[in-house]
Amino acid sequence: MKFKNILFIIDEIEFKYFELNKLVTNFWLIYEFLSRGYNVLITTKNKLFIKNAKACAVCWKSYIKDDDILKTQESEELELEGFDVIFFRSDPPVDVDYVNACHILDMVDENKTLVINKPSAVLCKNEKLYVNEFPSVVPENIVSADENVIKKFLKDKGEIIIKPLNRCFSSGVFYLNTEDKNINAILATATENFKTQVMVQEFLPDIKYGDKRLIFICGEILEYTVQKLGTDDFKFNQHTDSNFKKAPVTKEEKALEGVIGKKLMNDGIYIAGLDTISAKIIEINVTSPCFFIKEINNFYNIELHKIIVDKLENFIIQKKKLNQLV
């Protein structure tokens, strides 16, 4: 084992109900690292702090008991550079508290401690806006708060999807067409009275079949994925078995690896979730992408968490070796 100490920064609701939850990607990864003998501690972004000009956190040890993962009652204050690797996987919204957590994490010397994903990249690479760095493989879109700009795009396209820039799980997403009787009200609501920029994408008809979450790990798109299906409309916003179906990665989707892989890695985005429709990337999840491990394991009869941790393990070892040579 080339590294030992791992910190997971998880979401506050996950911390409150901390145990093995098969719907939550963080717990599968923590469970697998613990199973391999790593020392895994957990914290949340609001437990990060600075002391004596050093990035620190209040942390709890995690452990396996009766096939659950639990945390100790006692916490300890630790400097972040005492960890070999930190997984920063707190859920959006990317609000001021999220931004401040990134600033604290950015104080960590990356030659001592690898932070996944790189906090400055998480700040700069907005999950919606990032797609526009790969224009050949994304739907046509605009980003604006201006009423007339959005209405012109709607007129040109006929049907559009409107997304807030800092939320997740389809929160605040609207479908709109030129025949809608509530265009003004929807645009005002989405943009907070035309003050807040939103992403406006052309509507892709194949959304009726759902979108795919491609799993990007250390430069590679894995061959396993699921199709996420909407409930009463086009949006996926319920994590239940009926909202998924098996959907192997196509050649066109795998080819996206060659378009985006090198840049994501250079940017410090080592793990991501690519939401796609018809092999077009509609969003690049860089904060805490869910990989639907339980569903994929059941559909493909595999242990995806082991595959992911194998790749993370190899990448972290190679990265730390490289840092030692610099």
Protein backbone atom coordinates (compact mmCIF):
# COMPACT_ATOMS: atom_id res chain seq x y z
CA MET A 1 0.00 0.00 0.00
CA LYS A 2 1.60 3.29 -1.14
CA PHE A 3 -0.72 5.60 0.80
CA LYS A 4 -2.75 5.14 3.96
CA ASN A 5 -4.82 8.07 5.22
CA ILE A 6 -7.95 9.20 3.35
CA LEU A 7 -10.47 11.93 4.14
CA PHE A 8 -13.93 12.06 2.58
CA ILE A 9 -15.76 15.39 2.73
CA ILE A 10 -19.37 14.29 2.42
CA ASP A 11 -22.71 16.06 2.42
CA GLU A 12 -24.26 17.14 5.72
CA ILE A 13 -27.35 14.94 5.28
CA GLU A 14 -25.13 11.93 4.57
CA PHE A 15 -23.16 12.66 7.73
CA LYS A 16 -26.32 12.92 9.82
CA TYR A 17 -27.51 9.47 8.73
CA PHE A 18 -24.07 7.93 8.33
CA GLU A 19 -24.20 4.22 7.59
CA LEU A 20 -23.94 2.07 4.49
CA ASN A 21 -26.60 3.49 2.18
CA LYS A 22 -26.61 1.60 -1.11
CA LEU A 23 -28.01 4.61 -2.99
CA VAL A 24 -25.05 6.83 -2.09
CA THR A 25 -21.81 6.68 -4.09
CA ASN A 26 -19.68 8.04 -1.22
CA PHE A 27 -20.57 5.13 1.02
CA TRP A 28 -19.68 2.51 -1.57
CA LEU A 29 -16.27 4.14 -2.06
CA ILE A 30 -15.64 4.52 1.68
CA TYR A 31 -16.71 0.91 2.25
CA GLU A 32 -14.32 -0.37 -0.41
CA PHE A 33 -11.36 1.68 0.84
CA LEU A 34 -12.03 0.46 4.40
CA SER A 35 -12.25 -3.13 3.13
CA ARG A 36 -8.76 -2.71 1.65
CA GLY A 37 -7.29 -1.62 4.97
CA TYR A 38 -7.14 2.15 4.46
CA ASN A 39 -7.64 4.58 7.34
CA VAL A 40 -10.73 6.55 6.22
CA LEU A 41 -12.00 9.58 8.07
CA ILE A 42 -15.02 11.72 7.24
CA THR A 43 -16.04 15.34 7.64
CA THR A 44 -18.33 17.94 6.05
CA LYS A 45 -17.54 21.25 4.42
CA ASN A 46 -18.83 23.24 7.41
CA LYS A 47 -16.27 21.45 9.60
CA LEU A 48 -13.33 22.81 7.63
CA PHE A 49 -11.37 25.61 9.27
CA ILE A 50 -8.06 27.48 9.23
CA LYS A 51 -5.71 27.49 12.25
CA ASN A 52 -2.20 28.92 12.31
CA ALA A 53 -2.49 29.48 8.54
CA LYS A 54 -3.11 25.75 8.00
CA ALA A 55 -6.19 24.09 6.50
CA CYS A 56 -7.79 21.82 9.10
CA ALA A 57 -11.00 19.90 9.77
CA VAL A 58 -12.97 18.32 12.56
CA CYS A 59 -12.93 14.64 11.56
CA TRP A 60 -14.47 11.32 12.56
CA LYS A 61 -13.03 7.87 11.91
CA SER A 62 -15.18 5.46 9.93
CA TYR A 63 -15.23 1.70 10.34
CA ILE A 64 -17.09 -1.40 9.17
CA LYS A 65 -19.35 -3.31 11.56
CA ASP A 66 -21.84 -6.00 10.56
CA ASP A 67 -21.49 -4.94 6.90
CA ASP A 68 -22.42 -1.33 7.72
CA ILE A 69 -20.05 1.60 7.84
CA LEU A 70 -20.25 3.66 11.01
CA LYS A 71 -18.42 6.66 12.49
CA THR A 72 -16.88 7.12 15.90
CA GLN A 73 -18.60 9.33 18.45
CA GLU A 74 -15.37 11.14 19.22
CA SER A 75 -14.00 13.67 16.75
CA GLU A 76 -10.49 15.04 16.34
CA GLU A 77 -9.05 18.20 14.84
CA LEU A 78 -6.52 17.39 12.13
CA GLU A 79 -4.46 19.31 9.59
CA LEU A 80 -5.55 18.40 6.07
CA GLU A 81 -1.97 17.97 4.87
CA GLY A 82 -1.75 14.97 7.21
CA PHE A 83 -3.90 13.02 4.74
CA ASP A 84 -2.56 11.34 1.63
CA VAL A 85 -5.72 12.03 -0.35
CA ILE A 86 -8.93 14.00 0.22
CA PHE A 87 -12.15 13.28 -1.67
CA PHE A 88 -14.18 16.51 -1.79
CA ARG A 89 -17.68 15.21 -2.53
CA SER A 90 -20.20 17.56 -0.99
CA ASP A 91 -23.43 18.08 -2.94
CA PRO A 92 -24.46 21.36 -4.61
CA PRO A 93 -25.76 24.05 -4.45
CA VAL A 94 -22.42 25.72 -5.04
CA ASP A 95 -23.22 28.65 -2.77
CA VAL A 96 -20.98 30.91 -0.69
CA ASP A 97 -20.37 28.13 1.86
CA TYR A 98 -19.28 25.80 -0.92
CA VAL A 99 -16.99 28.47 -2.35
CA ASN A 100 -15.42 29.10 1.07
CA ALA A 101 -14.78 25.37 1.50
CA CYS A 102 -12.98 25.36 -1.86
CA HIS A 103 -10.82 28.28 -0.73
CA ILE A 104 -9.79 26.41 2.43
CA LEU A 105 -9.02 23.24 0.47
CA ASP A 106 -7.01 25.25 -2.03
CA MET A 107 -4.54 26.03 0.79
CA VAL A 108 -3.52 22.36 0.89
CA ASP A 109 -0.12 21.65 -0.69
CA GLU A 110 -0.95 19.31 -3.57
CA ASN A 111 2.57 17.85 -3.42
CA LYS A 112 1.70 16.53 0.05
CA THR A 113 -2.02 15.84 -0.25
CA LEU A 114 -4.00 15.09 -3.40
CA VAL A 115 -7.49 16.64 -3.39
CA ILE A 116 -10.01 14.98 -5.73
CA ASN A 117 -11.36 16.97 -7.48
CA LYS A 118 -8.97 19.91 -7.43
CA PRO A 119 -10.78 22.65 -5.47
CA SER A 120 -9.77 25.48 -7.80
CA ALA A 121 -11.15 23.43 -10.69
CA VAL A 122 -14.43 22.83 -8.87
CA LEU A 123 -14.69 26.60 -8.45
CA CYS A 124 -13.86 27.41 -12.06
CA LYS A 125 -15.53 24.53 -13.90
CA ASN A 126 -19.22 25.07 -13.31
CA GLU A 127 -21.14 21.87 -13.98
CA LYS A 128 -23.37 23.50 -16.57
CA LEU A 129 -20.94 25.98 -18.15
CA TYR A 130 -18.07 23.48 -18.45
CA VAL A 131 -19.72 21.77 -21.42
CA ASN A 132 -19.03 24.82 -23.58
CA GLU A 133 -15.33 24.02 -23.47
CA PHE A 134 -16.23 21.07 -25.72
CA PRO A 135 -18.56 22.68 -28.30
CA SER A 136 -18.35 19.84 -30.82
CA VAL A 137 -20.11 17.38 -28.49
CA VAL A 138 -22.73 19.50 -26.71
CA PRO A 139 -26.21 20.76 -27.63
CA GLU A 140 -26.51 24.33 -28.84
CA ASN A 141 -27.04 26.59 -25.87
CA ILE A 142 -26.82 30.11 -24.48
CA VAL A 143 -26.13 31.40 -20.97
CA SER A 144 -27.98 34.60 -20.13
CA ALA A 145 -30.26 36.47 -17.74
CA ASP A 146 -31.53 38.77 -20.46
CA GLU A 147 -35.21 38.36 -21.35
CA ASN A 148 -34.85 39.26 -25.02
CA VAL A 149 -31.78 37.07 -25.57
CA ILE A 150 -33.58 34.04 -24.14
CA LYS A 151 -36.80 34.74 -26.03
CA LYS A 152 -34.90 34.99 -29.30
CA PHE A 153 -33.22 31.63 -28.64
CA LEU A 154 -36.64 30.14 -27.83
CA LYS A 155 -38.07 31.51 -31.07
CA ASP A 156 -35.14 30.10 -33.08
CA LYS A 157 -35.31 26.63 -31.47
CA GLY A 158 -39.02 26.24 -30.75
CA GLU A 159 -38.33 24.17 -27.63
CA ILE A 160 -35.76 24.78 -24.89
CA ILE A 161 -34.58 23.55 -21.51
CA ILE A 162 -33.71 26.15 -18.85
CA LYS A 163 -31.32 25.20 -16.03
CA PRO A 164 -29.98 27.05 -12.99
CA LEU A 165 -26.18 27.04 -12.88
CA ASN A 166 -25.60 25.91 -9.30
CA ARG A 167 -28.13 23.20 -8.44
CA CYS A 168 -28.44 19.43 -8.92
CA PHE A 169 -30.96 16.61 -9.29
CA SER A 170 -33.11 18.57 -11.80
CA SER A 171 -33.92 21.27 -9.24
CA GLY A 172 -35.17 24.44 -10.94
CA VAL A 173 -35.16 22.95 -14.46
CA PHE A 174 -37.91 24.07 -16.88
CA TYR A 175 -39.08 22.95 -20.32
CA LEU A 176 -40.48 25.73 -22.50
CA ASN A 177 -41.88 25.99 -26.02
CA THR A 178 -43.14 28.89 -28.10
CA GLU A 179 -46.79 27.91 -27.51
CA ASP A 180 -46.56 28.07 -23.72
CA LYS A 181 -48.95 30.56 -22.11
CA ASN A 182 -46.54 31.24 -19.22
CA ILE A 183 -43.34 32.21 -21.04
CA ASN A 184 -42.87 35.49 -19.19
CA ALA A 185 -43.60 34.00 -15.77
CA ILE A 186 -41.30 31.01 -16.31
CA LEU A 187 -38.42 33.15 -17.54
CA ALA A 188 -38.84 35.59 -14.65
CA THR A 189 -38.88 32.73 -12.15
CA ALA A 190 -35.89 30.92 -13.66
CA THR A 191 -33.74 34.07 -13.80
CA GLU A 192 -34.94 35.61 -10.52
CA ASN A 193 -36.51 38.50 -12.40
CA PHE A 194 -33.77 38.59 -15.05
CA LYS A 195 -30.91 39.08 -12.58
CA THR A 196 -29.39 35.57 -12.55
CA GLN A 197 -27.82 33.82 -15.53
CA VAL A 198 -29.21 30.45 -16.52
CA MET A 199 -28.21 27.89 -19.10
CA VAL A 200 -30.68 27.55 -21.96
CA GLN A 201 -30.19 24.46 -24.12
CA GLU A 202 -31.94 23.36 -27.26
CA PHE A 203 -34.44 20.61 -26.49
CA LEU A 204 -33.25 17.16 -27.57
CA PRO A 205 -36.24 14.93 -28.43
CA ASP A 206 -34.42 11.77 -27.34
CA ILE A 207 -34.82 12.89 -23.72
CA LYS A 208 -38.06 10.89 -23.90
CA TYR A 209 -35.79 7.83 -23.56
CA GLY A 210 -33.99 9.39 -20.58
CA ASP A 211 -30.39 10.54 -20.25
CA LYS A 212 -27.28 8.50 -19.51
CA ARG A 213 -24.79 9.07 -16.71
CA LEU A 214 -21.36 8.17 -18.09
CA ILE A 215 -18.75 7.47 -15.42
CA PHE A 216 -15.43 9.26 -15.95
CA ILE A 217 -12.60 7.98 -13.75
CA CYS A 218 -9.01 9.18 -14.12
CA GLY A 219 -9.18 9.82 -17.86
CA GLU A 220 -11.43 6.92 -18.83
CA ILE A 221 -15.15 6.52 -19.49
CA LEU A 222 -16.19 3.18 -18.00
CA GLU A 223 -18.19 0.75 -20.09
CA TYR A 224 -21.01 0.45 -17.55
CA THR A 225 -23.84 2.91 -17.16
CA VAL A 226 -27.58 3.29 -16.76
CA GLN A 227 -30.31 5.24 -18.49
CA LYS A 228 -32.04 7.63 -16.07
CA LEU A 229 -35.77 7.87 -16.76
CA GLY A 230 -38.11 10.70 -15.89
CA THR A 231 -41.13 10.20 -13.65
CA ASP A 232 -44.09 12.33 -14.77
CA ASP A 233 -42.15 14.54 -17.16
CA PHE A 234 -38.72 14.60 -18.81
CA LYS A 235 -36.77 15.17 -15.56
CA PHE A 236 -35.02 12.49 -13.52
CA ASN A 237 -35.67 13.47 -9.92
CA GLN A 238 -36.55 10.26 -8.07
CA HIS A 239 -33.93 7.66 -7.16
CA THR A 240 -36.06 4.51 -7.37
CA ASP A 241 -35.53 1.23 -9.24
CA SER A 242 -38.25 2.06 -11.75
CA ASN A 243 -36.30 5.13 -12.89
CA PHE A 244 -33.39 3.13 -14.34
CA LYS A 245 -32.71 0.70 -17.12
CA LYS A 246 -29.57 -1.05 -18.31
CA ALA A 247 -27.89 0.91 -21.09
CA PRO A 248 -24.36 -0.11 -22.12
CA VAL A 249 -22.03 2.62 -23.34
CA THR A 250 -22.09 3.02 -27.13
CA LYS A 251 -19.07 3.56 -29.39
CA GLU A 252 -20.12 7.18 -29.87
CA GLU A 253 -20.29 7.73 -26.10
CA LYS A 254 -16.97 5.99 -25.49
CA ALA A 255 -15.43 8.24 -28.16
CA LEU A 256 -16.21 11.26 -25.94
CA GLU A 257 -13.25 10.11 -23.85
CA GLY A 258 -10.91 11.27 -26.61
CA VAL A 259 -12.59 14.67 -26.80
CA ILE A 260 -12.74 15.55 -23.11
CA GLY A 261 -10.42 13.18 -21.23
CA LYS A 262 -7.09 14.96 -21.49
CA LYS A 263 -8.52 18.38 -20.68
CA LEU A 264 -10.48 17.18 -17.65
CA MET A 265 -7.35 15.55 -16.25
CA ASN A 266 -5.21 18.63 -16.94
CA ASP A 267 -7.87 20.77 -15.24
CA GLY A 268 -7.78 18.59 -12.12
CA ILE A 269 -11.16 16.95 -12.71
CA TYR A 270 -10.21 13.33 -12.03
CA ILE A 271 -13.70 11.94 -11.45
CA ALA A 272 -16.88 13.20 -13.10
CA GLY A 273 -20.34 12.20 -14.21
CA LEU A 274 -21.22 13.01 -17.80
CA ASP A 275 -24.93 13.37 -18.48
CA THR A 276 -25.60 12.63 -22.13
CA ILE A 277 -28.46 12.47 -24.61
CA SER A 278 -27.78 10.99 -28.06
CA ALA A 279 -24.02 11.09 -27.30
CA LYS A 280 -24.23 14.83 -26.62
CA ILE A 281 -22.97 16.02 -23.24
CA ILE A 282 -25.60 18.12 -21.49
CA GLU A 283 -23.77 18.44 -18.15
CA ILE A 284 -20.42 17.57 -16.56
CA ASN A 285 -20.88 16.79 -12.87
CA VAL A 286 -17.65 17.68 -11.08
CA THR A 287 -18.76 18.10 -7.45
CA SER A 288 -20.21 14.84 -6.14
CA PRO A 289 -21.37 12.77 -9.13
CA CYS A 290 -23.58 9.82 -8.30
CA PHE A 291 -22.48 6.69 -10.18
CA PHE A 292 -25.59 4.59 -9.38
CA ILE A 293 -23.38 1.76 -8.14
CA LYS A 294 -26.20 -0.34 -6.68
CA GLU A 295 -28.16 -0.27 -9.93
CA ILE A 296 -25.14 -0.97 -12.15
CA ASN A 297 -24.00 -3.84 -9.93
CA ASN A 298 -27.46 -5.42 -10.23
CA PHE A 299 -27.83 -4.84 -13.98
CA TYR A 300 -24.38 -6.11 -14.97
CA ASN A 301 -23.68 -8.55 -12.12
CA ILE A 302 -20.42 -6.78 -11.31
CA GLU A 303 -18.85 -4.93 -8.37
CA LEU A 304 -18.48 -1.45 -9.79
CA HIS A 305 -17.16 -0.02 -6.51
CA LYS A 306 -14.15 -2.35 -6.74
CA ILE A 307 -13.52 -1.33 -10.37
CA ILE A 308 -13.67 2.36 -9.48
CA VAL A 309 -11.42 2.03 -6.43
CA ASP A 310 -8.91 -0.03 -8.44
CA LYS A 311 -8.59 2.85 -10.89
CA LEU A 312 -8.48 5.50 -8.16
CA GLU A 313 -5.86 3.53 -6.25
CA ASN A 314 -3.58 3.22 -9.28
CA PHE A 315 -4.01 6.89 -10.17
CA ILE A 316 -3.30 8.13 -6.63
CA ILE A 317 -0.17 5.97 -6.35
CA GLN A 318 1.16 7.21 -9.69
CA LYS A 319 0.30 10.83 -8.86
CA LYS A 320 2.06 10.66 -5.50
CA LYS A 321 5.12 9.06 -7.09
CA LEU A 322 5.23 11.87 -9.65
CA ASN A 323 4.91 14.50 -6.92
CA GLN A 324 7.84 12.98 -5.05
CA LEU A 325 10.00 13.29 -8.16
CA VAL A 326 9.18 16.97 -8.69
